[in-house]
Amino acid sequence: MTATPDLPARPPQAPTTPTAPRDLVGIGIGPFNLSLAALAQPLDGVDAAFYEQRPSFHWHPGLLIDGATLQVPFLADLVTLADPANPWSFLSYLRARERLFPFYFAERFHIQRAEYDAYCRWVSENLPALHFGHQIDAVRWNPERSLFEVDFTQLDADGEAEALGRTHARNIAIGVGTAPYVPEPLRPLADAPTVPVIHAADYLLHRDRFLTAEHITVIGSGQSGAEVFLDLLRHRPPGAERLHWLARTPAFAPMEYSKLGLEHFTPDYTRYFHSLPEPVRDRLVPGQWQLHKGIDAETIAAIHDELYQRTLHGGWPDAVLTPGVAVRTAGRVATTRVELHLEHLEQGSRSRITTDAVILATGYRERPLDQLLAGLDPYLRRDSSERPRIDERYRLVLDPSVTGTGSNIYVQNAERHTHGVGAPDLGLAAWRSATILNTLTGKNPYPLPDRTAFTSFGLTDPRPRTPDQRTATPHPNLVRLKN
């Protein structure tokens, strides 16, 4: 969520109230709420609307590097793992584009990121419940009507305020996504427009300019850092690469991609993780970095192959790869160069380097919900670290005066502290969306499996049940689904 734009001199029109409350209002339209919208669309009796500040759907446009692939199979689309016959599947997209046979012969299990982005945009352009160019300003609980009030600003093509509006909802799904994370020592430089320090999220926007830099430093050991480093390496002349790749992790490590290791991204593990005490969950997440912050084996191999190729005629490439390093401080040198003060975490030694450009592949953090939900703070229940408590069915734990009416707020990709490393994983998107809709409707429109992993993560209850209509509590006024 970004700051509200300056209002024009002529005030926008007054808020309008729809004649009837919606069953579901989604805030944010990234892949996860797009999944929820796609699965909600065929359901009779579910009146849903989704709002997004941006003018259209785009998924990490700054990282759609040529050839970069998803780290999950194409089956991890918006709907397939909950409803394989759904009309908004990736295969349906290929059929609509008359590309099924080329895809069949390409034998690609992992599709390119650019293709996933194009698929999501196809879905977003065809779902009528999506409203782009709408900035959510406030969410409140109306105790007299037992409904949520959602205030929004409608934006014009230039992002300026055009009109104000209000809608009421029995349920809300928050999918505002994550924001690029910039480490504290580098924030002043990243915020300065003339300093060549950017987050990898904006890499393609600045790529041509950065390629002309004499020396480039990439910081971050995950998949994005590897893809940026590889792309730069391929476009720098042999012997004059002048690249430095730094990482805090003890190695440029491969992502855990063994078949049993991947079972950490199943609903079974999600339920197991949620059942653990809060201190145990908090200890587990940092230690599981290689499940989601490593590099896929093909990218590691491609980097090594590219470096090796440059040694065939003698000499070594002018590229330095150093793991186990933290940036202590950073500052300008003259007007356009950057000096990084480094510390090796194992040696305890310190050094400094001067570089002409810095690309921060330092990942993303969940967007805080406090500002958006400020009007609900008296109703919100928090854990010992002041984070929102979230139940097994992805609902914020609210005061019974709210939830007792059957109204709930669901979250998507804001629950890593309660649901584990699978929260941001695309492979769990359809399952989470189906869980939300099964709970919200009180029916079972998307039957989900009781068991999804061979691993039994705990000594008790190895086959916990998926929440469905047998335990759900729908809003009493929600229209029942047709049989």
Protein backbone atom coordinates (compact mmCIF):
# COMPACT_ATOMS: atom_id res chain seq x y z
CA MET A 1 0.00 0.00 0.00
CA THR A 2 1.40 3.39 -0.95
CA ALA A 3 0.57 6.85 0.28
CA THR A 4 -2.66 8.43 -0.85
CA PRO A 5 -2.00 10.72 -3.84
CA ASP A 6 -2.65 14.45 -3.55
CA LEU A 7 -6.29 15.23 -4.20
CA PRO A 8 -7.16 17.55 -7.10
CA ALA A 9 -8.38 21.07 -6.49
CA ARG A 10 -11.98 20.01 -7.18
CA PRO A 11 -13.04 17.55 -4.46
CA PRO A 12 -14.04 14.09 -5.67
CA GLN A 13 -17.60 12.95 -5.35
CA ALA A 14 -18.91 11.77 -2.00
CA PRO A 15 -18.75 8.09 -1.06
CA THR A 16 -21.53 5.91 -2.36
CA THR A 17 -22.91 2.85 -0.64
CA PRO A 18 -24.06 -0.22 -2.60
CA THR A 19 -27.60 -1.39 -1.98
CA ALA A 20 -26.47 -4.75 -0.58
CA PRO A 21 -23.27 -5.88 1.14
CA ARG A 22 -20.89 -8.13 -0.73
CA ASP A 23 -20.08 -11.59 0.52
CA LEU A 24 -16.38 -11.04 -0.10
CA VAL A 25 -14.15 -8.03 -0.80
CA GLY A 26 -10.55 -8.67 -1.76
CA ILE A 27 -7.88 -6.04 -1.10
CA GLY A 28 -4.96 -6.34 -3.50
CA ILE A 29 -4.77 -8.31 -6.75
CA GLY A 30 -1.57 -10.29 -6.85
CA PRO A 31 -1.39 -14.00 -7.71
CA PHE A 32 -3.00 -15.07 -4.42
CA ASN A 33 -6.10 -12.91 -4.50
CA LEU A 34 -6.28 -13.52 -8.25
CA SER A 35 -6.44 -17.24 -7.41
CA LEU A 36 -9.22 -16.55 -4.93
CA ALA A 37 -11.14 -14.50 -7.51
CA ALA A 38 -10.74 -17.22 -10.15
CA LEU A 39 -12.05 -19.93 -7.83
CA ALA A 40 -14.87 -17.71 -6.54
CA GLN A 41 -16.08 -16.75 -10.02
CA PRO A 42 -17.93 -20.03 -10.85
CA LEU A 43 -19.66 -20.24 -7.47
CA ASP A 44 -23.35 -19.33 -7.51
CA GLY A 45 -24.42 -17.08 -4.66
CA VAL A 46 -20.99 -15.60 -3.87
CA ASP A 47 -20.93 -11.87 -4.60
CA ALA A 48 -17.25 -10.88 -4.65
CA ALA A 49 -15.24 -7.83 -5.69
CA PHE A 50 -11.48 -7.32 -5.66
CA TYR A 51 -9.68 -3.95 -5.57
CA GLU A 52 -6.14 -3.04 -6.61
CA GLN A 53 -4.34 0.30 -6.64
CA ARG A 54 -2.26 -0.43 -9.75
CA PRO A 55 -3.85 0.16 -13.18
CA SER A 56 -3.38 -3.47 -14.27
CA PHE A 57 -1.87 -6.78 -13.21
CA HIS A 58 1.91 -7.18 -13.35
CA TRP A 59 3.99 -9.76 -11.49
CA HIS A 60 7.56 -8.70 -10.63
CA PRO A 61 8.12 -6.94 -13.99
CA GLY A 62 11.67 -5.96 -13.04
CA LEU A 63 12.71 -9.63 -12.75
CA LEU A 64 11.21 -11.09 -15.93
CA ILE A 65 14.69 -11.81 -17.25
CA ASP A 66 14.81 -13.73 -20.53
CA GLY A 67 14.87 -17.45 -19.80
CA ALA A 68 14.23 -17.14 -16.05
CA THR A 69 11.79 -19.84 -14.95
CA LEU A 70 9.43 -20.38 -12.05
CA GLN A 71 10.75 -22.57 -9.27
CA VAL A 72 7.44 -24.45 -9.12
CA PRO A 73 5.83 -26.60 -11.85
CA PHE A 74 3.14 -25.15 -14.12
CA LEU A 75 0.54 -27.13 -12.14
CA ALA A 76 1.06 -24.52 -9.41
CA ASP A 77 -1.13 -22.11 -11.33
CA LEU A 78 -4.03 -20.16 -9.86
CA VAL A 79 -6.55 -23.01 -9.70
CA THR A 80 -5.36 -26.46 -10.81
CA LEU A 81 -4.32 -27.98 -7.48
CA ALA A 82 -7.82 -27.27 -6.14
CA ASP A 83 -9.88 -27.63 -9.34
CA PRO A 84 -8.10 -29.15 -12.36
CA ALA A 85 -11.14 -28.58 -14.59
CA ASN A 86 -11.38 -24.88 -13.78
CA PRO A 87 -11.59 -22.60 -16.85
CA TRP A 88 -8.85 -20.33 -15.47
CA SER A 89 -6.08 -22.94 -15.45
CA PHE A 90 -2.75 -22.48 -17.22
CA LEU A 91 -3.71 -25.18 -19.72
CA SER A 92 -6.93 -23.28 -20.46
CA TYR A 93 -4.79 -20.21 -21.12
CA LEU A 94 -2.67 -22.17 -23.58
CA ARG A 95 -5.78 -23.45 -25.32
CA ALA A 96 -7.20 -19.93 -25.59
CA ARG A 97 -3.90 -18.81 -27.14
CA GLU A 98 -3.78 -21.88 -29.46
CA ARG A 99 -0.49 -22.92 -27.91
CA LEU A 100 -1.36 -26.31 -26.39
CA PHE A 101 0.53 -28.35 -28.98
CA PRO A 102 3.69 -26.21 -28.90
CA PHE A 103 3.69 -26.47 -25.10
CA TYR A 104 3.14 -30.23 -25.33
CA PHE A 105 6.18 -30.68 -27.56
CA ALA A 106 8.29 -28.21 -25.56
CA GLU A 107 8.03 -30.60 -22.58
CA ARG A 108 8.39 -27.80 -20.05
CA PHE A 109 7.42 -28.62 -16.48
CA HIS A 110 8.77 -25.28 -15.22
CA ILE A 111 7.56 -22.39 -17.33
CA GLN A 112 9.24 -19.04 -17.79
CA ARG A 113 8.38 -16.23 -15.40
CA ALA A 114 7.30 -14.03 -18.31
CA GLU A 115 4.84 -16.73 -19.38
CA TYR A 116 3.39 -16.99 -15.87
CA ASP A 117 2.97 -13.21 -15.83
CA ALA A 118 1.20 -13.32 -19.22
CA TYR A 119 -1.08 -16.12 -17.96
CA CYS A 120 -2.06 -14.15 -14.85
CA ARG A 121 -2.72 -11.05 -16.93
CA TRP A 122 -5.02 -13.12 -19.19
CA VAL A 123 -7.01 -14.20 -16.16
CA SER A 124 -7.08 -10.68 -14.72
CA GLU A 125 -8.39 -9.23 -18.00
CA ASN A 126 -11.28 -11.65 -18.13
CA LEU A 127 -12.61 -11.76 -14.56
CA PRO A 128 -15.38 -9.19 -14.12
CA ALA A 129 -15.01 -8.97 -10.33
CA LEU A 130 -11.64 -7.22 -10.50
CA HIS A 131 -11.37 -3.45 -10.10
CA PHE A 132 -7.97 -1.95 -10.87
CA GLY A 133 -7.16 1.68 -10.18
CA HIS A 134 -8.86 1.54 -6.77
CA GLN A 135 -6.83 2.39 -3.68
CA ILE A 136 -8.15 1.07 -0.37
CA ASP A 137 -8.01 3.82 2.24
CA ALA A 138 -9.61 2.32 5.36
CA VAL A 139 -11.34 -0.77 6.72
CA ARG A 140 -13.74 -0.48 9.66
CA TRP A 141 -16.24 -2.64 11.50
CA ASN A 142 -19.81 -1.35 11.62
CA PRO A 143 -21.34 -2.96 14.73
CA GLU A 144 -24.83 -1.71 13.94
CA ARG A 145 -24.95 -3.48 10.59
CA SER A 146 -22.52 -6.29 11.53
CA LEU A 147 -20.52 -5.57 8.37
CA PHE A 148 -17.12 -4.31 7.33
CA GLU A 149 -16.94 -0.87 5.72
CA VAL A 150 -14.27 -0.47 3.04
CA ASP A 151 -13.42 3.04 1.84
CA PHE A 152 -11.54 3.46 -1.42
CA THR A 153 -10.28 6.12 -3.82
CA GLN A 154 -10.82 5.55 -7.51
CA LEU A 155 -7.77 6.66 -9.50
CA ASP A 156 -7.56 7.96 -13.05
CA ALA A 157 -5.05 6.83 -15.68
CA ASP A 158 -2.38 9.11 -14.15
CA GLY A 159 -2.89 7.76 -10.65
CA GLU A 160 -4.70 10.87 -9.44
CA ALA A 161 -7.78 10.74 -7.22
CA GLU A 162 -10.93 10.71 -9.34
CA ALA A 163 -13.71 9.68 -6.96
CA LEU A 164 -14.29 8.31 -3.48
CA GLY A 165 -16.30 5.20 -2.79
CA ARG A 166 -17.41 2.84 -0.07
CA THR A 167 -18.54 -0.73 -0.09
CA HIS A 168 -19.73 -3.07 2.65
CA ALA A 169 -18.68 -6.68 3.02
CA ARG A 170 -19.38 -9.69 5.20
CA ASN A 171 -15.86 -11.01 4.59
CA ILE A 172 -12.55 -9.51 3.50
CA ALA A 173 -9.49 -11.17 1.96
CA ILE A 174 -6.25 -9.21 2.27
CA GLY A 175 -3.65 -9.97 -0.37
CA VAL A 176 -1.49 -6.85 -0.48
CA GLY A 177 1.65 -8.87 -1.11
CA THR A 178 5.21 -8.12 -0.11
CA ALA A 179 7.54 -5.15 -0.52
CA PRO A 180 11.22 -5.15 -1.59
CA TYR A 181 13.47 -5.29 1.45
CA VAL A 182 16.45 -2.93 1.61
CA PRO A 183 18.93 -3.52 4.49
CA GLU A 184 19.25 -0.61 6.90
CA PRO A 185 22.85 0.38 5.97
CA LEU A 186 21.84 0.86 2.32
CA ARG A 187 18.47 2.59 2.68
CA PRO A 188 19.77 6.17 2.47
CA LEU A 189 21.62 5.31 -0.74
CA ALA A 190 18.71 3.39 -2.27
CA ASP A 191 16.40 6.33 -1.56
CA ALA A 192 18.71 8.85 -3.26
CA PRO A 193 17.75 9.17 -6.94
CA THR A 194 21.26 9.93 -8.18
CA VAL A 195 23.02 7.05 -6.43
CA PRO A 196 23.32 3.79 -8.43
CA VAL A 197 21.79 1.53 -5.75
CA ILE A 198 18.60 -0.33 -6.68
CA HIS A 199 16.63 -3.32 -5.51
CA ALA A 200 16.54 -6.30 -7.88
CA ALA A 201 12.78 -5.75 -8.19
CA ASP A 202 13.69 -2.84 -10.51
CA TYR A 203 16.56 -4.57 -12.29
CA LEU A 204 15.20 -4.59 -15.84
CA LEU A 205 14.19 -0.94 -15.56
CA HIS A 206 17.85 0.02 -14.98
CA ARG A 207 19.65 -2.86 -16.68
CA ASP A 208 20.95 -1.02 -19.77
CA ARG A 209 22.36 1.80 -17.64
CA PHE A 210 23.95 -0.59 -15.14
CA LEU A 211 25.63 -2.64 -17.87
CA THR A 212 27.73 0.41 -18.71
CA ALA A 213 29.03 0.68 -15.14
CA GLU A 214 32.70 -0.12 -14.74
CA HIS A 215 32.21 -2.28 -11.62
CA ILE A 216 28.96 -3.84 -10.38
CA THR A 217 28.17 -5.44 -7.02
CA VAL A 218 25.26 -7.82 -6.46
CA ILE A 219 24.19 -8.42 -2.85
CA GLY A 220 22.04 -11.44 -2.01
CA SER A 221 22.41 -15.19 -2.40
CA GLY A 222 18.91 -16.27 -3.41
CA GLN A 223 17.43 -17.05 -6.79
CA SER A 224 17.02 -13.39 -7.78
CA GLY A 225 20.63 -12.61 -6.94
CA ALA A 226 21.81 -15.59 -8.97
CA GLU A 227 19.68 -14.66 -11.98
CA VAL A 228 20.86 -11.04 -11.92
CA PHE A 229 24.51 -12.08 -11.55
CA LEU A 230 24.20 -14.57 -14.41
CA ASP A 231 22.52 -12.03 -16.68
CA LEU A 232 25.22 -9.45 -15.97
CA LEU A 233 27.97 -12.03 -16.48
CA ARG A 234 26.61 -13.03 -19.88
CA HIS A 235 26.65 -9.43 -21.02
CA ARG A 236 30.12 -8.46 -19.82
CA PRO A 237 33.24 -9.05 -21.97
CA PRO A 238 35.56 -11.92 -20.96
CA GLY A 239 38.41 -10.75 -18.77
CA ALA A 240 36.67 -7.47 -18.01
CA GLU A 241 33.60 -8.66 -16.14
CA ARG A 242 34.33 -6.59 -13.02
CA LEU A 243 31.55 -8.21 -11.00
CA HIS A 244 31.37 -8.84 -7.25
CA TRP A 245 28.67 -11.07 -5.74
CA LEU A 246 28.23 -10.88 -1.95
CA ALA A 247 25.97 -12.88 0.37
CA ARG A 248 25.35 -13.25 4.09
CA THR A 249 24.65 -16.99 3.78
CA PRO A 250 27.62 -19.30 4.36
CA ALA A 251 27.45 -20.56 0.77
CA PHE A 252 25.81 -19.98 -2.59
CA ALA A 253 23.64 -22.93 -1.77
CA PRO A 254 21.17 -24.90 -3.85
CA MET A 255 17.53 -24.81 -2.94
CA GLU A 256 16.21 -27.89 -1.17
CA TYR A 257 14.50 -29.61 -4.06
CA SER A 258 14.42 -33.25 -3.05
CA LYS A 259 10.99 -34.83 -3.33
CA LEU A 260 10.61 -35.39 0.41
CA GLY A 261 12.10 -31.99 1.15
CA LEU A 262 9.42 -30.40 -1.01
CA GLU A 263 6.78 -31.86 1.28
CA HIS A 264 7.41 -28.83 3.49
CA PHE A 265 5.22 -27.04 0.93
CA THR A 266 2.20 -29.28 1.44
CA PRO A 267 -0.97 -28.58 3.40
CA ASP A 268 0.10 -31.37 5.78
CA TYR A 269 3.22 -29.44 6.83
CA THR A 270 1.28 -26.17 6.99
CA ARG A 271 -1.17 -27.70 9.47
CA TYR A 272 1.66 -29.25 11.48
CA PHE A 273 3.53 -25.93 11.64
CA HIS A 274 0.40 -24.05 12.70
CA SER A 275 -0.13 -26.49 15.58
CA LEU A 276 3.31 -25.78 17.08
CA PRO A 277 3.83 -23.33 19.96
CA GLU A 278 4.70 -19.80 18.90
CA PRO A 279 8.33 -19.91 20.20
CA VAL A 280 8.98 -23.13 18.27
CA ARG A 281 7.59 -21.65 15.06
CA ASP A 282 9.78 -18.58 15.47
CA ARG A 283 12.87 -20.77 15.86
CA LEU A 284 12.04 -22.90 12.84
CA VAL A 285 11.53 -20.25 10.14
CA PRO A 286 15.07 -18.76 10.05
CA GLY A 287 16.63 -22.21 9.92
CA GLN A 288 14.57 -23.20 6.89
CA TRP A 289 16.08 -20.57 4.59
CA GLN A 290 17.35 -23.17 2.11
CA LEU A 291 13.79 -24.31 1.46
CA HIS A 292 12.92 -21.00 -0.17
CA LYS A 293 16.02 -18.78 -0.34
CA GLY A 294 18.41 -21.11 -2.13
CA ILE A 295 19.24 -21.21 -5.84
CA ASP A 296 17.91 -23.80 -8.25
CA ALA A 297 20.51 -26.26 -9.46
CA GLU A 298 20.20 -25.24 -13.14
CA THR A 299 21.04 -21.61 -12.38
CA ILE A 300 24.03 -22.59 -10.24
CA ALA A 301 25.24 -24.86 -13.05
CA ALA A 302 24.75 -22.11 -15.65
CA ILE A 303 26.81 -19.67 -13.57
CA HIS A 304 29.63 -22.17 -13.14
CA ASP A 305 29.54 -23.08 -16.85
CA GLU A 306 29.75 -19.41 -17.83
CA LEU A 307 32.67 -18.80 -15.49
CA TYR A 308 34.44 -21.97 -16.63
CA GLN A 309 34.01 -21.07 -20.30
CA ARG A 310 35.95 -17.88 -19.64
CA THR A 311 39.00 -19.85 -18.43
CA LEU A 312 39.45 -21.91 -21.61
CA HIS A 313 42.12 -19.64 -23.07
CA GLY A 314 43.95 -19.01 -19.82
CA GLY A 315 43.32 -16.63 -16.99
CA TRP A 316 40.33 -16.27 -14.74
CA PRO A 317 37.26 -14.08 -15.13
CA ASP A 318 37.30 -10.82 -13.22
CA ALA A 319 34.40 -11.93 -11.00
CA VAL A 320 34.49 -12.33 -7.22
CA LEU A 321 31.92 -14.50 -5.43
CA THR A 322 32.07 -14.13 -1.64
CA PRO A 323 29.53 -15.72 0.74
CA GLY A 324 29.43 -15.25 4.50
CA VAL A 325 29.71 -11.45 4.26
CA ALA A 326 27.61 -8.71 5.86
CA VAL A 327 27.48 -5.06 4.82
CA ARG A 328 28.18 -3.03 7.97
CA THR A 329 27.88 0.46 6.52
CA ALA A 330 27.77 2.10 3.11
CA GLY A 331 28.36 5.57 1.77
CA ARG A 332 29.03 7.68 -1.30
CA VAL A 333 32.40 8.22 -2.87
CA ALA A 334 32.35 11.42 -4.89
CA THR A 335 28.90 11.67 -6.48
CA THR A 336 28.31 8.41 -8.30
CA ARG A 337 30.34 5.66 -6.61
CA VAL A 338 29.52 3.63 -3.52
CA GLU A 339 31.82 2.34 -0.78
CA LEU A 340 30.72 -0.79 1.06
CA HIS A 341 32.22 -1.66 4.46
CA LEU A 342 32.16 -5.44 4.84
CA GLU A 343 32.58 -7.97 7.63
CA HIS A 344 33.24 -11.66 7.11
CA LEU A 345 30.94 -13.47 9.52
CA GLU A 346 33.22 -16.50 10.04
CA GLN A 347 36.65 -14.86 9.95
CA GLY A 348 35.61 -11.78 11.85
CA SER A 349 37.73 -9.77 9.39
CA ARG A 350 36.70 -6.47 7.84
CA SER A 351 37.30 -4.89 4.47
CA ARG A 352 35.84 -2.39 2.03
CA ILE A 353 35.17 -2.23 -1.66
CA THR A 354 34.33 0.65 -3.99
CA THR A 355 31.84 -0.02 -6.76
CA ASP A 356 29.99 1.88 -9.46
CA ALA A 357 26.59 0.18 -9.04
CA VAL A 358 24.85 -1.97 -6.43
CA ILE A 359 21.94 -4.33 -7.04
CA LEU A 360 20.19 -5.53 -3.89
CA ALA A 361 18.78 -9.02 -4.30
CA THR A 362 17.81 -8.94 -0.64
CA GLY A 363 14.33 -10.36 -0.94
CA TYR A 364 10.91 -9.18 0.13
CA ARG A 365 9.08 -8.67 3.41
CA GLU A 366 5.37 -8.94 4.15
CA ARG A 367 3.67 -5.56 3.94
CA PRO A 368 2.57 -4.49 7.44
CA LEU A 369 -1.19 -4.51 7.92
CA ASP A 370 -1.30 -2.04 10.81
CA GLN A 371 -2.03 1.04 8.71
CA LEU A 372 -4.66 -0.67 6.60
CA LEU A 373 -6.37 -2.21 9.63
CA ALA A 374 -5.96 0.73 12.01
CA GLY A 375 -9.73 1.06 12.27
CA LEU A 376 -9.97 -2.55 13.44
CA ASP A 377 -7.24 -2.42 16.06
CA PRO A 378 -9.64 -2.71 19.06
CA TYR A 379 -10.95 -5.97 17.60
CA LEU A 380 -7.61 -7.47 16.53
CA ARG A 381 -5.92 -10.14 18.67
CA ARG A 382 -2.12 -10.30 18.64
CA ASP A 383 0.60 -12.72 19.70
CA SER A 384 3.45 -12.07 22.14
CA SER A 385 5.40 -10.28 19.39
CA GLU A 386 2.44 -8.01 18.52
CA ARG A 387 1.84 -9.83 15.23
CA PRO A 388 -1.73 -10.61 14.17
CA ARG A 389 -2.93 -14.02 15.30
CA ILE A 390 -4.18 -16.10 12.40
CA ASP A 391 -6.16 -19.32 12.74
CA GLU A 392 -5.79 -22.52 10.73
CA ARG A 393 -8.24 -21.32 8.06
CA TYR A 394 -6.31 -18.10 7.36
CA ARG A 395 -8.64 -15.87 9.36
CA LEU A 396 -7.41 -13.05 11.56
CA VAL A 397 -8.35 -13.76 15.15
CA LEU A 398 -10.81 -10.98 15.93
CA ASP A 399 -13.02 -10.17 18.89
CA PRO A 400 -16.03 -12.53 19.17
CA SER A 401 -18.32 -9.54 18.68
CA VAL A 402 -17.12 -9.61 15.05
CA THR A 403 -16.56 -13.29 14.35
CA GLY A 404 -19.73 -14.24 16.20
CA THR A 405 -21.70 -12.65 13.36
CA GLY A 406 -20.03 -14.95 10.82
CA SER A 407 -17.85 -12.16 9.36
CA ASN A 408 -14.11 -12.70 8.98
CA ILE A 409 -10.95 -11.23 7.54
CA TYR A 410 -8.77 -13.70 5.63
CA VAL A 411 -5.10 -13.11 4.81
CA GLN A 412 -2.96 -14.35 1.95
CA ASN A 413 0.84 -14.33 2.23
CA ALA A 414 0.82 -12.50 5.54
CA GLU A 415 0.97 -15.59 7.73
CA ARG A 416 4.50 -17.00 7.59
CA HIS A 417 4.80 -16.62 11.37
CA THR A 418 1.74 -18.87 11.85
CA HIS A 419 1.71 -21.11 8.74
CA GLY A 420 5.39 -21.45 7.85
CA VAL A 421 7.56 -21.26 4.74
CA GLY A 422 4.71 -22.25 2.42
CA ALA A 423 2.90 -18.92 2.93
CA PRO A 424 4.50 -17.18 -0.09
CA ASP A 425 4.74 -20.34 -2.22
CA LEU A 426 2.70 -20.35 -5.44
CA GLY A 427 2.12 -24.08 -5.09
CA LEU A 428 -0.18 -23.54 -2.10
CA ALA A 429 -2.17 -20.68 -3.63
CA ALA A 430 -5.08 -22.73 -4.98
CA TRP A 431 -5.34 -24.86 -1.84
CA ARG A 432 -5.41 -21.80 0.42
CA SER A 433 -8.01 -20.09 -1.80
CA ALA A 434 -10.17 -23.22 -1.78
CA THR A 435 -9.87 -23.45 2.01
CA ILE A 436 -11.03 -19.84 2.31
CA LEU A 437 -14.02 -20.40 0.01
CA ASN A 438 -15.01 -23.65 1.70
CA THR A 439 -14.95 -21.90 5.06
CA LEU A 440 -16.68 -18.75 3.85
CA THR A 441 -19.55 -20.55 2.16
CA GLY A 442 -20.07 -23.30 4.72
CA LYS A 443 -20.29 -25.73 1.81
CA ASN A 444 -17.59 -27.78 0.18
CA PRO A 445 -17.40 -26.45 -3.40
CA TYR A 446 -13.75 -27.51 -3.62
CA PRO A 447 -13.21 -30.88 -1.90
CA LEU A 448 -9.67 -31.01 -0.62
CA PRO A 449 -7.59 -34.08 0.24
CA ASP A 450 -7.17 -35.20 3.83
CA ARG A 451 -3.54 -36.10 3.22
CA THR A 452 -0.95 -34.54 0.89
CA ALA A 453 2.45 -35.81 2.07
CA PHE A 454 4.13 -39.15 2.73
CA THR A 455 5.94 -37.54 5.67
CA SER A 456 4.21 -37.56 9.06
CA PHE A 457 5.67 -34.41 10.60
CA GLY A 458 4.53 -35.13 14.16
CA LEU A 459 4.00 -38.21 16.33
CA THR A 460 0.28 -37.52 16.64
CA ASP A 461 -2.54 -36.97 14.14
CA PRO A 462 -0.59 -37.86 10.96
CA ARG A 463 -3.69 -37.37 8.78
CA PRO A 464 -5.39 -34.17 9.99
CA ARG A 465 -8.57 -33.19 8.23
CA THR A 466 -8.78 -30.28 5.81
CA PRO A 467 -11.30 -27.66 7.01
CA ASP A 468 -14.54 -28.09 5.08
CA GLN A 469 -18.28 -27.66 5.56
CA ARG A 470 -18.33 -30.05 8.51
CA THR A 471 -16.51 -27.56 10.72
CA ALA A 472 -17.06 -24.24 8.94
CA THR A 473 -19.28 -21.45 10.25
CA PRO A 474 -20.65 -19.36 7.39
CA HIS A 475 -22.24 -15.95 7.73
CA PRO A 476 -25.94 -16.51 8.47
CA ASN A 477 -27.00 -14.21 5.63
CA LEU A 478 -24.76 -15.77 2.96
CA VAL A 479 -26.76 -17.19 0.05
CA ARG A 480 -26.40 -20.95 -0.06
CA LEU A 481 -24.67 -22.48 -3.04
CA LYS A 482 -26.72 -24.34 -5.59
CA ASN A 483 -26.31 -28.09 -5.61
